[in-house]
Amino acid sequence: MEREKIVKEIEAAMEGIRPYLQSDGGDISIVDITDDFVVKVELLGACDGCPMSVQTLKNGVEMVLKSKVPSVKEVVSVN
């Protein structure tokens, strides 16, 4: 039950982040959430291959997710 609650919190937080990425022509999709709450994501659109994508991922997405869902250990890109 606890895992389901945390996954829902992660998904809700991602929905809050998505409009910022979409405003720059990009998007993000959750690929997997591991048992120890590493969130694996795929960067889409303009975010895929963007030179700033690592900074966006670590200083934006990861920072927001960790602040809203303290159980999140890390956010990593699969692409």
N, C-alpha and C. Protein backbone atom coordinates (compact mmCIF):
# COMPACT_ATOMS: atom_id res chain seq x y z
N MET A 1 0.82 -1.21 0.00
CA MET A 1 0.00 0.00 0.00
C MET A 1 0.86 1.27 0.00
N GLU A 2 1.90 1.26 0.82
CA GLU A 2 2.78 2.43 0.91
C GLU A 2 3.42 2.74 -0.45
N ARG A 3 3.90 1.72 -1.16
CA ARG A 3 4.53 1.92 -2.46
C ARG A 3 3.54 2.56 -3.43
N GLU A 4 2.31 2.07 -3.44
CA GLU A 4 1.30 2.64 -4.34
C GLU A 4 1.08 4.12 -4.06
N LYS A 5 1.07 4.49 -2.81
CA LYS A 5 0.89 5.89 -2.41
C LYS A 5 2.05 6.75 -2.92
N ILE A 6 3.27 6.25 -2.76
CA ILE A 6 4.45 6.99 -3.20
C ILE A 6 4.47 7.11 -4.73
N VAL A 7 4.12 6.04 -5.42
CA VAL A 7 4.08 6.08 -6.89
C VAL A 7 3.06 7.13 -7.36
N LYS A 8 1.91 7.18 -6.72
CA LYS A 8 0.90 8.19 -7.08
C LYS A 8 1.42 9.60 -6.81
N GLU A 9 2.15 9.79 -5.72
CA GLU A 9 2.74 11.11 -5.42
C GLU A 9 3.77 11.49 -6.48
N ILE A 10 4.58 10.52 -6.91
CA ILE A 10 5.57 10.78 -7.96
C ILE A 10 4.86 11.17 -9.25
N GLU A 11 3.84 10.41 -9.62
CA GLU A 11 3.10 10.72 -10.86
C GLU A 11 2.46 12.10 -10.79
N ALA A 12 1.91 12.47 -9.65
CA ALA A 12 1.29 13.79 -9.49
C ALA A 12 2.33 14.90 -9.61
N ALA A 13 3.50 14.69 -9.01
CA ALA A 13 4.57 15.68 -9.09
C ALA A 13 5.06 15.84 -10.53
N MET A 14 5.13 14.74 -11.25
CA MET A 14 5.56 14.79 -12.65
C MET A 14 4.56 15.58 -13.50
N GLU A 15 3.28 15.44 -13.20
CA GLU A 15 2.27 16.20 -13.93
C GLU A 15 2.46 17.70 -13.71
N GLY A 16 2.96 18.08 -12.54
CA GLY A 16 3.22 19.48 -12.26
C GLY A 16 4.44 20.02 -13.00
N ILE A 17 5.38 19.13 -13.30
CA ILE A 17 6.62 19.51 -14.00
C ILE A 17 6.40 19.57 -15.51
N ARG A 18 5.57 18.68 -16.01
CA ARG A 18 5.38 18.50 -17.45
C ARG A 18 5.08 19.81 -18.21
N PRO A 19 4.20 20.70 -17.73
CA PRO A 19 3.92 21.93 -18.50
C PRO A 19 5.16 22.80 -18.76
N TYR A 20 6.11 22.80 -17.83
CA TYR A 20 7.33 23.59 -18.04
C TYR A 20 8.16 23.03 -19.18
N LEU A 21 8.24 21.71 -19.25
CA LEU A 21 8.99 21.08 -20.34
C LEU A 21 8.25 21.25 -21.66
N GLN A 22 6.94 21.13 -21.62
CA GLN A 22 6.14 21.27 -22.84
C GLN A 22 6.21 22.68 -23.40
N SER A 23 6.38 23.67 -22.54
CA SER A 23 6.46 25.05 -23.03
C SER A 23 7.71 25.29 -23.86
N ASP A 24 8.72 24.42 -23.69
CA ASP A 24 9.94 24.51 -24.49
C ASP A 24 9.97 23.46 -25.60
N GLY A 25 8.83 22.81 -25.85
CA GLY A 25 8.76 21.83 -26.93
C GLY A 25 9.16 20.42 -26.53
N GLY A 26 9.31 20.18 -25.23
CA GLY A 26 9.71 18.86 -24.77
C GLY A 26 8.63 18.20 -23.94
N ASP A 27 8.98 17.07 -23.38
CA ASP A 27 8.07 16.36 -22.49
C ASP A 27 8.88 15.30 -21.75
N ILE A 28 8.23 14.62 -20.83
CA ILE A 28 8.89 13.60 -20.03
C ILE A 28 7.89 12.50 -19.73
N SER A 29 8.39 11.28 -19.70
CA SER A 29 7.53 10.13 -19.44
C SER A 29 8.22 9.22 -18.42
N ILE A 30 7.45 8.74 -17.44
CA ILE A 30 8.00 7.79 -16.48
C ILE A 30 8.08 6.43 -17.16
N VAL A 31 9.27 5.83 -17.13
CA VAL A 31 9.48 4.51 -17.72
C VAL A 31 9.36 3.44 -16.63
N ASP A 32 9.95 3.72 -15.45
CA ASP A 32 9.95 2.75 -14.37
C ASP A 32 10.23 3.48 -13.05
N ILE A 33 9.75 2.89 -11.98
CA ILE A 33 10.09 3.34 -10.64
C ILE A 33 10.57 2.09 -9.91
N THR A 34 11.85 2.07 -9.56
CA THR A 34 12.43 0.88 -8.95
C THR A 34 11.94 0.72 -7.52
N ASP A 35 12.24 -0.44 -6.94
CA ASP A 35 11.82 -0.73 -5.57
C ASP A 35 12.42 0.24 -4.56
N ASP A 36 13.61 0.79 -4.88
CA ASP A 36 14.23 1.77 -3.97
C ASP A 36 13.97 3.21 -4.43
N PHE A 37 12.95 3.38 -5.27
CA PHE A 37 12.45 4.69 -5.71
C PHE A 37 13.45 5.52 -6.51
N VAL A 38 14.15 4.84 -7.41
CA VAL A 38 14.88 5.53 -8.47
C VAL A 38 13.87 5.65 -9.61
N VAL A 39 13.64 6.89 -10.05
CA VAL A 39 12.66 7.15 -11.09
C VAL A 39 13.38 7.20 -12.44
N LYS A 40 13.03 6.25 -13.31
CA LYS A 40 13.61 6.21 -14.65
C LYS A 40 12.65 6.89 -15.60
N VAL A 41 13.16 7.87 -16.33
CA VAL A 41 12.31 8.66 -17.22
C VAL A 41 12.88 8.67 -18.63
N GLU A 42 12.00 8.99 -19.57
CA GLU A 42 12.42 9.21 -20.94
C GLU A 42 12.11 10.66 -21.29
N LEU A 43 13.12 11.35 -21.76
CA LEU A 43 12.93 12.73 -22.21
C LEU A 43 12.46 12.69 -23.66
N LEU A 44 11.46 13.49 -23.95
CA LEU A 44 10.81 13.45 -25.26
C LEU A 44 10.86 14.81 -25.95
N GLY A 45 10.61 14.80 -27.24
CA GLY A 45 10.55 16.05 -27.99
C GLY A 45 11.87 16.80 -27.95
N ALA A 46 11.80 18.09 -27.73
CA ALA A 46 12.99 18.94 -27.73
C ALA A 46 13.95 18.58 -26.60
N CYS A 47 13.46 17.94 -25.55
CA CYS A 47 14.33 17.56 -24.42
C CYS A 47 15.27 16.42 -24.79
N ASP A 48 14.84 15.55 -25.70
CA ASP A 48 15.67 14.42 -26.12
C ASP A 48 16.84 14.92 -26.94
N GLY A 49 18.03 14.78 -26.39
CA GLY A 49 19.24 15.21 -27.08
C GLY A 49 19.63 16.66 -26.84
N CYS A 50 18.84 17.39 -26.08
CA CYS A 50 19.17 18.78 -25.78
C CYS A 50 20.41 18.83 -24.90
N PRO A 51 21.35 19.73 -25.19
CA PRO A 51 22.56 19.82 -24.37
C PRO A 51 22.28 20.18 -22.90
N MET A 52 21.14 20.79 -22.64
CA MET A 52 20.79 21.18 -21.26
C MET A 52 19.98 20.11 -20.54
N SER A 53 19.71 18.98 -21.20
CA SER A 53 18.81 17.98 -20.62
C SER A 53 19.32 17.41 -19.31
N VAL A 54 20.63 17.24 -19.16
CA VAL A 54 21.17 16.71 -17.89
C VAL A 54 20.90 17.69 -16.76
N GLN A 55 21.12 18.98 -17.03
CA GLN A 55 20.84 19.99 -16.00
C GLN A 55 19.35 20.06 -15.70
N THR A 56 18.52 20.00 -16.73
CA THR A 56 17.07 20.01 -16.52
C THR A 56 16.66 18.82 -15.66
N LEU A 57 17.23 17.67 -15.96
CA LEU A 57 16.88 16.45 -15.24
C LEU A 57 17.30 16.53 -13.78
N LYS A 58 18.55 16.93 -13.52
CA LYS A 58 19.08 16.91 -12.15
C LYS A 58 18.66 18.14 -11.35
N ASN A 59 18.77 19.33 -11.95
CA ASN A 59 18.49 20.57 -11.22
C ASN A 59 17.03 20.98 -11.27
N GLY A 60 16.27 20.33 -12.12
CA GLY A 60 14.85 20.65 -12.23
C GLY A 60 13.99 19.50 -11.77
N VAL A 61 13.90 18.48 -12.61
CA VAL A 61 13.00 17.35 -12.35
C VAL A 61 13.36 16.65 -11.04
N GLU A 62 14.62 16.26 -10.88
CA GLU A 62 15.02 15.53 -9.67
C GLU A 62 14.82 16.38 -8.41
N MET A 63 15.19 17.63 -8.47
CA MET A 63 15.06 18.51 -7.31
C MET A 63 13.60 18.66 -6.89
N VAL A 64 12.71 18.85 -7.86
CA VAL A 64 11.28 19.00 -7.57
C VAL A 64 10.72 17.69 -7.00
N LEU A 65 11.04 16.58 -7.66
CA LEU A 65 10.51 15.30 -7.17
C LEU A 65 10.98 14.99 -5.76
N LYS A 66 12.26 15.20 -5.48
CA LYS A 66 12.78 14.93 -4.13
C LYS A 66 12.13 15.85 -3.10
N SER A 67 11.85 17.08 -3.46
CA SER A 67 11.23 17.99 -2.49
C SER A 67 9.77 17.63 -2.23
N LYS A 68 9.07 17.14 -3.24
CA LYS A 68 7.66 16.78 -3.09
C LYS A 68 7.46 15.35 -2.59
N VAL A 69 8.42 14.47 -2.93
CA VAL A 69 8.33 13.06 -2.54
C VAL A 69 9.69 12.64 -1.99
N PRO A 70 9.91 12.84 -0.70
CA PRO A 70 11.23 12.57 -0.11
C PRO A 70 11.74 11.14 -0.29
N SER A 71 10.87 10.20 -0.61
CA SER A 71 11.30 8.81 -0.83
C SER A 71 12.11 8.64 -2.12
N VAL A 72 12.00 9.59 -3.05
CA VAL A 72 12.73 9.50 -4.32
C VAL A 72 14.22 9.60 -4.04
N LYS A 73 14.96 8.60 -4.55
CA LYS A 73 16.42 8.59 -4.36
C LYS A 73 17.14 9.34 -5.47
N GLU A 74 16.65 9.14 -6.72
CA GLU A 74 17.33 9.71 -7.87
C GLU A 74 16.38 9.68 -9.06
N VAL A 75 16.65 10.55 -10.03
CA VAL A 75 15.94 10.52 -11.30
C VAL A 75 17.00 10.32 -12.39
N VAL A 76 16.80 9.30 -13.22
CA VAL A 76 17.76 9.01 -14.28
C VAL A 76 17.03 8.90 -15.62
N SER A 77 17.73 9.29 -16.66
CA SER A 77 17.18 9.21 -18.02
C SER A 77 17.57 7.88 -18.65
N VAL A 78 16.65 7.29 -19.38
CA VAL A 78 16.95 6.05 -20.09
C VAL A 78 17.36 6.31 -21.53
N ASN A 79 17.33 7.59 -21.95
CA ASN A 79 17.71 7.90 -23.33
C ASN A 79 18.87 8.85 -23.40
